[in-house]
Amino acid sequence: MIFLIPKRIRGEKMDWFQKYKMLIAGAAIAAGAAFLFLTAQDREQGVPGVPEVPEAAAISSAGIPAAENDKQIKKTEDELPEKKYIVDVKGAVKKPGVYELQEGARVKDAVERAGGLHDTADRKTINLAAALADGEAVYIPAKGEEALPQPAAGIKTDTEETAAVNLNTAGLDELQTLPGIGPSKAEAILAYREENGGFSSPDELKEVSGIGDKTYEKLEDAIVVN
């Protein structure tokens, strides 16, 4: 059986579609945009069921796990040869001689390698904590020894004093070795000495332009007037 739709009804349906076709198209576009937005959100949150790779399992640029790579680097560093010091130990020790020590060794280490201090060693003049350098000589003086044969590491001496600068005879370069004295102040000292016929006392240096109490305090122990 065939049903025929009257022309009047078909005309009404076509009029309805023509009237609302823009609304229908807009709804379809909105639905598509919503679908695309939700799909993008799911991608950003990650795919369910795929575990993240833990940091501990990170791979280095060489294809080796980072943790394993760090172990190899540390192992290589540990295998590097340690630097050695060669030190000549002389004087009042039980076994004088040339010894090999670890980098950063002290006088105490050198004395121990040489068998320890001899009974005649003057312990008061020895600084066992003094640091050593490669190729250095360590001389341990005996009791009553007046002078050391040569400068030695770890030995305290009261006789070594820096020569004082004579204000009446020092030149430009020598004056500049004083604390706080540069080229301009050294020239001012020479000019004052020339104008006044020399210095009568060390503290007269404060009369020179540019030299005040603070500067004088730094160098008063390093100057003399003869």
C-alpha atoms as a PDB file:
ATOM      1  CA  MET A   1       0.000   0.000   0.000  1.00  0.00           C
ATOM      2  CA  ILE A   2       1.418   3.366  -0.956  1.00  0.00           C
ATOM      3  CA  PHE A   3       0.679   6.466   1.059  1.00  0.00           C
ATOM      4  CA  LEU A   4       0.888   9.737  -0.689  1.00  0.00           C
ATOM      5  CA  ILE A   5       1.694  12.853   1.274  1.00  0.00           C
ATOM      6  CA  PRO A   6      -0.534  15.676   0.294  1.00  0.00           C
ATOM      7  CA  LYS A   7       1.162  18.567  -1.455  1.00  0.00           C
ATOM      8  CA  ARG A   8       0.085  20.936   1.273  1.00  0.00           C
ATOM      9  CA  ILE A   9       1.914  18.963   4.007  1.00  0.00           C
ATOM     10  CA  ARG A  10       5.035  18.547   1.862  1.00  0.00           C
ATOM     11  CA  GLY A  11       5.074  22.260   1.266  1.00  0.00           C
ATOM     12  CA  GLU A  12       4.836  22.980   4.971  1.00  0.00           C
ATOM     13  CA  LYS A  13       7.845  20.681   5.708  1.00  0.00           C
ATOM     14  CA  MET A  14       9.957  22.358   3.058  1.00  0.00           C
ATOM     15  CA  ASP A  15       9.058  25.760   4.431  1.00  0.00           C
ATOM     16  CA  TRP A  16      10.058  24.601   7.945  1.00  0.00           C
ATOM     17  CA  PHE A  17      13.462  23.291   6.710  1.00  0.00           C
ATOM     18  CA  GLN A  18      14.185  26.481   4.790  1.00  0.00           C
ATOM     19  CA  LYS A  19      13.312  28.517   7.875  1.00  0.00           C
ATOM     20  CA  TYR A  20      15.530  26.622  10.343  1.00  0.00           C
ATOM     21  CA  LYS A  21      18.361  25.330   8.135  1.00  0.00           C
ATOM     22  CA  MET A  22      20.864  27.973   9.420  1.00  0.00           C
ATOM     23  CA  LEU A  23      20.050  27.032  13.014  1.00  0.00           C
ATOM     24  CA  ILE A  24      20.563  23.350  12.239  1.00  0.00           C
ATOM     25  CA  ALA A  25      23.912  24.056  10.524  1.00  0.00           C
ATOM     26  CA  GLY A  26      25.104  26.157  13.499  1.00  0.00           C
ATOM     27  CA  ALA A  27      24.226  23.381  15.946  1.00  0.00           C
ATOM     28  CA  ALA A  28      26.177  20.873  13.860  1.00  0.00           C
ATOM     29  CA  ILE A  29      29.261  23.124  13.798  1.00  0.00           C
ATOM     30  CA  ALA A  30      29.072  23.664  17.580  1.00  0.00           C
ATOM     31  CA  ALA A  31      28.834  19.916  18.187  1.00  0.00           C
ATOM     32  CA  GLY A  32      31.891  19.301  15.998  1.00  0.00           C
ATOM     33  CA  ALA A  33      33.928  21.962  17.818  1.00  0.00           C
ATOM     34  CA  ALA A  34      32.991  20.465  21.195  1.00  0.00           C
ATOM     35  CA  PHE A  35      34.098  17.021  20.005  1.00  0.00           C
ATOM     36  CA  LEU A  36      37.478  18.329  18.837  1.00  0.00           C
ATOM     37  CA  PHE A  37      38.031  20.192  22.128  1.00  0.00           C
ATOM     38  CA  LEU A  38      37.321  17.102  24.245  1.00  0.00           C
ATOM     39  CA  THR A  39      39.612  14.992  22.066  1.00  0.00           C
ATOM     40  CA  ALA A  40      42.483  17.471  22.526  1.00  0.00           C
ATOM     41  CA  GLN A  41      41.973  17.451  26.313  1.00  0.00           C
ATOM     42  CA  ASP A  42      42.254  13.664  26.407  1.00  0.00           C
ATOM     43  CA  ARG A  43      45.534  13.794  24.471  1.00  0.00           C
ATOM     44  CA  GLU A  44      47.056  16.311  26.898  1.00  0.00           C
ATOM     45  CA  GLN A  45      46.121  14.177  29.906  1.00  0.00           C
ATOM     46  CA  GLY A  46      47.802  11.161  28.374  1.00  0.00           C
ATOM     47  CA  VAL A  47      46.562   7.844  27.161  1.00  0.00           C
ATOM     48  CA  PRO A  48      45.130   5.726  30.018  1.00  0.00           C
ATOM     49  CA  GLY A  49      47.030   2.557  30.753  1.00  0.00           C
ATOM     50  CA  VAL A  50      50.451   3.808  29.554  1.00  0.00           C
ATOM     51  CA  PRO A  51      52.791   4.229  32.595  1.00  0.00           C
ATOM     52  CA  GLU A  52      55.167   7.194  32.760  1.00  0.00           C
ATOM     53  CA  VAL A  53      58.891   6.485  32.608  1.00  0.00           C
ATOM     54  CA  PRO A  54      60.419   7.101  36.077  1.00  0.00           C
ATOM     55  CA  GLU A  55      63.336   9.536  36.361  1.00  0.00           C
ATOM     56  CA  ALA A  56      65.625   6.812  37.657  1.00  0.00           C
ATOM     57  CA  ALA A  57      65.249   5.000  34.337  1.00  0.00           C
ATOM     58  CA  ALA A  58      66.255   8.043  32.249  1.00  0.00           C
ATOM     59  CA  ILE A  59      68.579   7.296  29.371  1.00  0.00           C
ATOM     60  CA  SER A  60      71.750   9.303  28.765  1.00  0.00           C
ATOM     61  CA  SER A  61      72.746  10.646  25.356  1.00  0.00           C
ATOM     62  CA  ALA A  62      75.126   7.704  24.963  1.00  0.00           C
ATOM     63  CA  GLY A  63      72.296   5.180  25.363  1.00  0.00           C
ATOM     64  CA  ILE A  64      73.315   4.245  28.944  1.00  0.00           C
ATOM     65  CA  PRO A  65      70.932   4.688  31.902  1.00  0.00           C
ATOM     66  CA  ALA A  66      71.771   7.944  33.728  1.00  0.00           C
ATOM     67  CA  ALA A  67      72.359   6.227  37.087  1.00  0.00           C
ATOM     68  CA  GLU A  68      74.741   3.723  35.498  1.00  0.00           C
ATOM     69  CA  ASN A  69      76.524   6.513  33.619  1.00  0.00           C
ATOM     70  CA  ASP A  70      77.135   8.408  36.902  1.00  0.00           C
ATOM     71  CA  LYS A  71      78.648   5.268  38.448  1.00  0.00           C
ATOM     72  CA  GLN A  72      81.039   4.895  35.511  1.00  0.00           C
ATOM     73  CA  ILE A  73      82.160   8.541  35.792  1.00  0.00           C
ATOM     74  CA  LYS A  74      82.818   8.181  39.541  1.00  0.00           C
ATOM     75  CA  LYS A  75      84.723   4.952  38.945  1.00  0.00           C
ATOM     76  CA  THR A  76      86.917   6.673  36.344  1.00  0.00           C
ATOM     77  CA  GLU A  77      87.654   9.547  38.737  1.00  0.00           C
ATOM     78  CA  ASP A  78      88.588   7.097  41.505  1.00  0.00           C
ATOM     79  CA  GLU A  79      91.011   5.322  39.175  1.00  0.00           C
ATOM     80  CA  LEU A  80      92.989   8.507  38.390  1.00  0.00           C
ATOM     81  CA  PRO A  81      96.509   8.308  39.867  1.00  0.00           C
ATOM     82  CA  GLU A  82      97.096  10.442  42.956  1.00  0.00           C
ATOM     83  CA  LYS A  83      99.750  13.135  42.730  1.00  0.00           C
ATOM     84  CA  LYS A  84     102.909  12.420  44.691  1.00  0.00           C
ATOM     85  CA  TYR A  85     105.371  14.739  46.462  1.00  0.00           C
ATOM     86  CA  ILE A  86     109.102  14.025  46.559  1.00  0.00           C
ATOM     87  CA  VAL A  87     110.605  15.493  49.750  1.00  0.00           C
ATOM     88  CA  ASP A  88     114.177  15.488  51.107  1.00  0.00           C
ATOM     89  CA  VAL A  89     114.207  15.022  54.904  1.00  0.00           C
ATOM     90  CA  LYS A  90     117.432  16.015  56.664  1.00  0.00           C
ATOM     91  CA  GLY A  91     118.820  16.796  60.101  1.00  0.00           C
ATOM     92  CA  ALA A  92     117.811  15.287  63.426  1.00  0.00           C
ATOM     93  CA  VAL A  93     115.637  12.425  62.179  1.00  0.00           C
ATOM     94  CA  LYS A  94     116.286   8.708  62.542  1.00  0.00           C
ATOM     95  CA  LYS A  95     116.410   7.914  58.817  1.00  0.00           C
ATOM     96  CA  PRO A  96     117.296  10.969  56.703  1.00  0.00           C
ATOM     97  CA  GLY A  97     116.601  10.597  53.009  1.00  0.00           C
ATOM     98  CA  VAL A  98     114.352  11.331  50.041  1.00  0.00           C
ATOM     99  CA  TYR A  99     110.767  10.133  50.439  1.00  0.00           C
ATOM    100  CA  GLU A 100     107.596  10.013  48.373  1.00  0.00           C
ATOM    101  CA  LEU A 101     104.501  11.473  50.050  1.00  0.00           C
ATOM    102  CA  GLN A 102     100.871  12.036  49.105  1.00  0.00           C
ATOM    103  CA  GLU A 103      99.787  15.418  47.752  1.00  0.00           C
ATOM    104  CA  GLY A 104      98.913  17.777  50.618  1.00  0.00           C
ATOM    105  CA  ALA A 105     101.393  16.173  53.035  1.00  0.00           C
ATOM    106  CA  ARG A 106     102.628  18.018  56.129  1.00  0.00           C
ATOM    107  CA  VAL A 107     106.015  18.156  57.878  1.00  0.00           C
ATOM    108  CA  LYS A 108     104.631  15.597  60.341  1.00  0.00           C
ATOM    109  CA  ASP A 109     104.162  13.099  57.482  1.00  0.00           C
ATOM    110  CA  ALA A 110     107.719  13.643  56.244  1.00  0.00           C
ATOM    111  CA  VAL A 111     109.177  13.157  59.733  1.00  0.00           C
ATOM    112  CA  GLU A 112     107.202   9.929  60.209  1.00  0.00           C
ATOM    113  CA  ARG A 113     108.476   8.556  56.871  1.00  0.00           C
ATOM    114  CA  ALA A 114     112.009   9.367  58.031  1.00  0.00           C
ATOM    115  CA  GLY A 115     111.585   7.198  61.125  1.00  0.00           C
ATOM    116  CA  GLY A 116     110.541   9.978  63.480  1.00  0.00           C
ATOM    117  CA  LEU A 117     112.468  12.642  65.348  1.00  0.00           C
ATOM    118  CA  HIS A 118     115.887  11.847  66.764  1.00  0.00           C
ATOM    119  CA  ASP A 119     116.419  12.311  70.497  1.00  0.00           C
ATOM    120  CA  THR A 120     118.615  15.312  69.700  1.00  0.00           C
ATOM    121  CA  ALA A 121     115.914  17.138  67.691  1.00  0.00           C
ATOM    122  CA  ASP A 122     114.926  20.603  68.898  1.00  0.00           C
ATOM    123  CA  ARG A 123     111.143  20.116  69.049  1.00  0.00           C
ATOM    124  CA  LYS A 124     110.469  23.742  70.047  1.00  0.00           C
ATOM    125  CA  THR A 125     111.487  25.102  66.656  1.00  0.00           C
ATOM    126  CA  ILE A 126     109.562  22.602  64.538  1.00  0.00           C
ATOM    127  CA  ASN A 127     106.126  23.276  63.062  1.00  0.00           C
ATOM    128  CA  LEU A 128     104.870  19.778  62.272  1.00  0.00           C
ATOM    129  CA  ALA A 129     101.629  21.149  60.814  1.00  0.00           C
ATOM    130  CA  ALA A 130     103.353  23.158  58.052  1.00  0.00           C
ATOM    131  CA  ALA A 131     102.309  22.217  54.504  1.00  0.00           C
ATOM    132  CA  LEU A 132     104.874  20.823  52.088  1.00  0.00           C
ATOM    133  CA  ALA A 133     105.465  21.325  48.376  1.00  0.00           C
ATOM    134  CA  ASP A 134     106.829  18.935  45.791  1.00  0.00           C
ATOM    135  CA  GLY A 135     110.639  18.978  45.718  1.00  0.00           C
ATOM    136  CA  GLU A 136     110.970  20.658  49.112  1.00  0.00           C
ATOM    137  CA  ALA A 137     113.682  20.027  51.717  1.00  0.00           C
ATOM    138  CA  VAL A 138     112.742  19.549  55.371  1.00  0.00           C
ATOM    139  CA  TYR A 139     115.562  20.209  57.816  1.00  0.00           C
ATOM    140  CA  ILE A 140     115.099  19.294  61.482  1.00  0.00           C
ATOM    141  CA  PRO A 141     117.583  21.190  63.692  1.00  0.00           C
ATOM    142  CA  ALA A 142     119.271  19.625  66.695  1.00  0.00           C
ATOM    143  CA  LYS A 143     119.178  21.089  70.199  1.00  0.00           C
ATOM    144  CA  GLY A 144     121.595  23.971  70.622  1.00  0.00           C
ATOM    145  CA  GLU A 145     122.075  24.412  66.887  1.00  0.00           C
ATOM    146  CA  GLU A 146     122.685  28.134  66.295  1.00  0.00           C
ATOM    147  CA  ALA A 147     121.979  28.433  62.600  1.00  0.00           C
ATOM    148  CA  LEU A 148     120.184  26.375  60.000  1.00  0.00           C
ATOM    149  CA  PRO A 149     122.304  25.217  57.076  1.00  0.00           C
ATOM    150  CA  GLN A 150     119.495  26.254  54.675  1.00  0.00           C
ATOM    151  CA  PRO A 151     115.893  27.486  54.789  1.00  0.00           C
ATOM    152  CA  ALA A 152     113.595  24.610  55.640  1.00  0.00           C
ATOM    153  CA  ALA A 153     109.873  23.987  55.713  1.00  0.00           C
ATOM    154  CA  GLY A 154     108.162  23.891  59.070  1.00  0.00           C
ATOM    155  CA  ILE A 155     110.930  25.692  60.971  1.00  0.00           C
ATOM    156  CA  LYS A 156     110.237  28.888  62.907  1.00  0.00           C
ATOM    157  CA  THR A 157     113.069  31.412  63.010  1.00  0.00           C
ATOM    158  CA  ASP A 158     113.165  34.717  64.847  1.00  0.00           C
ATOM    159  CA  THR A 159     116.251  35.939  63.007  1.00  0.00           C
ATOM    160  CA  GLU A 160     114.598  36.385  59.629  1.00  0.00           C
ATOM    161  CA  GLU A 161     113.418  39.969  59.509  1.00  0.00           C
ATOM    162  CA  THR A 162     112.484  42.102  56.535  1.00  0.00           C
ATOM    163  CA  ALA A 163     114.954  44.956  56.064  1.00  0.00           C
ATOM    164  CA  ALA A 164     113.377  48.309  56.983  1.00  0.00           C
ATOM    165  CA  VAL A 165     113.204  51.058  54.368  1.00  0.00           C
ATOM    166  CA  ASN A 166     115.337  54.123  55.132  1.00  0.00           C
ATOM    167  CA  LEU A 167     113.249  57.201  54.286  1.00  0.00           C
ATOM    168  CA  ASN A 168     116.367  59.312  53.704  1.00  0.00           C
ATOM    169  CA  THR A 169     118.024  56.986  51.172  1.00  0.00           C
ATOM    170  CA  ALA A 170     115.243  54.920  49.548  1.00  0.00           C
ATOM    171  CA  GLY A 171     114.508  55.432  45.879  1.00  0.00           C
ATOM    172  CA  LEU A 172     111.157  55.506  44.084  1.00  0.00           C
ATOM    173  CA  ASP A 173     110.914  51.726  43.587  1.00  0.00           C
ATOM    174  CA  GLU A 174     111.956  50.872  47.145  1.00  0.00           C
ATOM    175  CA  LEU A 175     109.406  53.274  48.635  1.00  0.00           C
ATOM    176  CA  GLN A 176     106.660  51.548  46.657  1.00  0.00           C
ATOM    177  CA  THR A 177     107.375  48.304  48.511  1.00  0.00           C
ATOM    178  CA  LEU A 178     105.879  49.883  51.634  1.00  0.00           C
ATOM    179  CA  PRO A 179     102.231  49.102  52.465  1.00  0.00           C
ATOM    180  CA  GLY A 180      99.841  51.701  51.034  1.00  0.00           C
ATOM    181  CA  ILE A 181     102.529  53.545  49.049  1.00  0.00           C
ATOM    182  CA  GLY A 182     101.979  53.806  45.309  1.00  0.00           C
ATOM    183  CA  PRO A 183     103.804  55.815  42.628  1.00  0.00           C
ATOM    184  CA  SER A 184     102.169  59.162  43.495  1.00  0.00           C
ATOM    185  CA  LYS A 185     102.828  58.894  47.245  1.00  0.00           C
ATOM    186  CA  ALA A 186     106.383  57.702  46.630  1.00  0.00           C
ATOM    187  CA  GLU A 187     107.025  60.789  44.479  1.00  0.00           C
ATOM    188  CA  ALA A 188     105.510  62.985  47.209  1.00  0.00           C
ATOM    189  CA  ILE A 189     107.919  61.463  49.764  1.00  0.00           C
ATOM    190  CA  LEU A 190     110.904  62.166  47.526  1.00  0.00           C
ATOM    191  CA  ALA A 191     109.721  65.751  46.927  1.00  0.00           C
ATOM    192  CA  TYR A 192     109.283  66.352  50.677  1.00  0.00           C
ATOM    193  CA  ARG A 193     112.735  64.909  51.386  1.00  0.00           C
ATOM    194  CA  GLU A 194     114.289  67.150  48.739  1.00  0.00           C
ATOM    195  CA  GLU A 195     112.552  70.294  50.012  1.00  0.00           C
ATOM    196  CA  ASN A 196     113.242  69.685  53.712  1.00  0.00           C
ATOM    197  CA  GLY A 197     116.691  68.120  53.559  1.00  0.00           C
ATOM    198  CA  GLY A 198     115.497  64.691  54.709  1.00  0.00           C
ATOM    199  CA  PHE A 199     113.447  63.218  57.569  1.00  0.00           C
ATOM    200  CA  SER A 200     114.438  63.690  61.187  1.00  0.00           C
ATOM    201  CA  SER A 201     112.132  60.925  62.507  1.00  0.00           C
ATOM    202  CA  PRO A 202     109.871  58.224  61.029  1.00  0.00           C
ATOM    203  CA  ASP A 203     106.643  59.920  62.180  1.00  0.00           C
ATOM    204  CA  GLU A 204     107.582  62.992  60.130  1.00  0.00           C
ATOM    205  CA  LEU A 205     106.326  60.965  57.192  1.00  0.00           C
ATOM    206  CA  LYS A 206     102.809  62.043  58.189  1.00  0.00           C
ATOM    207  CA  GLU A 207     103.722  65.556  57.064  1.00  0.00           C
ATOM    208  CA  VAL A 208     103.826  64.348  53.458  1.00  0.00           C
ATOM    209  CA  SER A 209     100.694  65.138  51.471  1.00  0.00           C
ATOM    210  CA  GLY A 210      98.433  62.097  51.149  1.00  0.00           C
ATOM    211  CA  ILE A 211      99.862  60.169  54.104  1.00  0.00           C
ATOM    212  CA  GLY A 212      97.630  60.208  57.161  1.00  0.00           C
ATOM    213  CA  ASP A 213      97.504  58.303  60.432  1.00  0.00           C
ATOM    214  CA  LYS A 214      95.938  55.180  58.913  1.00  0.00           C
ATOM    215  CA  THR A 215      98.577  54.876  56.200  1.00  0.00           C
ATOM    216  CA  TYR A 216     101.349  55.519  58.706  1.00  0.00           C
ATOM    217  CA  GLU A 217     100.064  52.778  61.026  1.00  0.00           C
ATOM    218  CA  LYS A 218     100.380  50.258  58.207  1.00  0.00           C
ATOM    219  CA  LEU A 219     104.042  51.030  57.507  1.00  0.00           C
ATOM    220  CA  GLU A 220     105.541  52.437  60.700  1.00  0.00           C
ATOM    221  CA  ASP A 221     107.231  49.116  61.532  1.00  0.00           C
ATOM    222  CA  ALA A 222     108.781  48.939  58.057  1.00  0.00           C
ATOM    223  CA  ILE A 223     110.580  52.323  57.999  1.00  0.00           C
ATOM    224  CA  VAL A 224     113.631  53.842  59.662  1.00  0.00           C
ATOM    225  CA  VAL A 225     115.431  57.165  59.510  1.00  0.00           C
ATOM    226  CA  ASN A 226     119.251  57.210  59.535  1.00  0.00           C
END
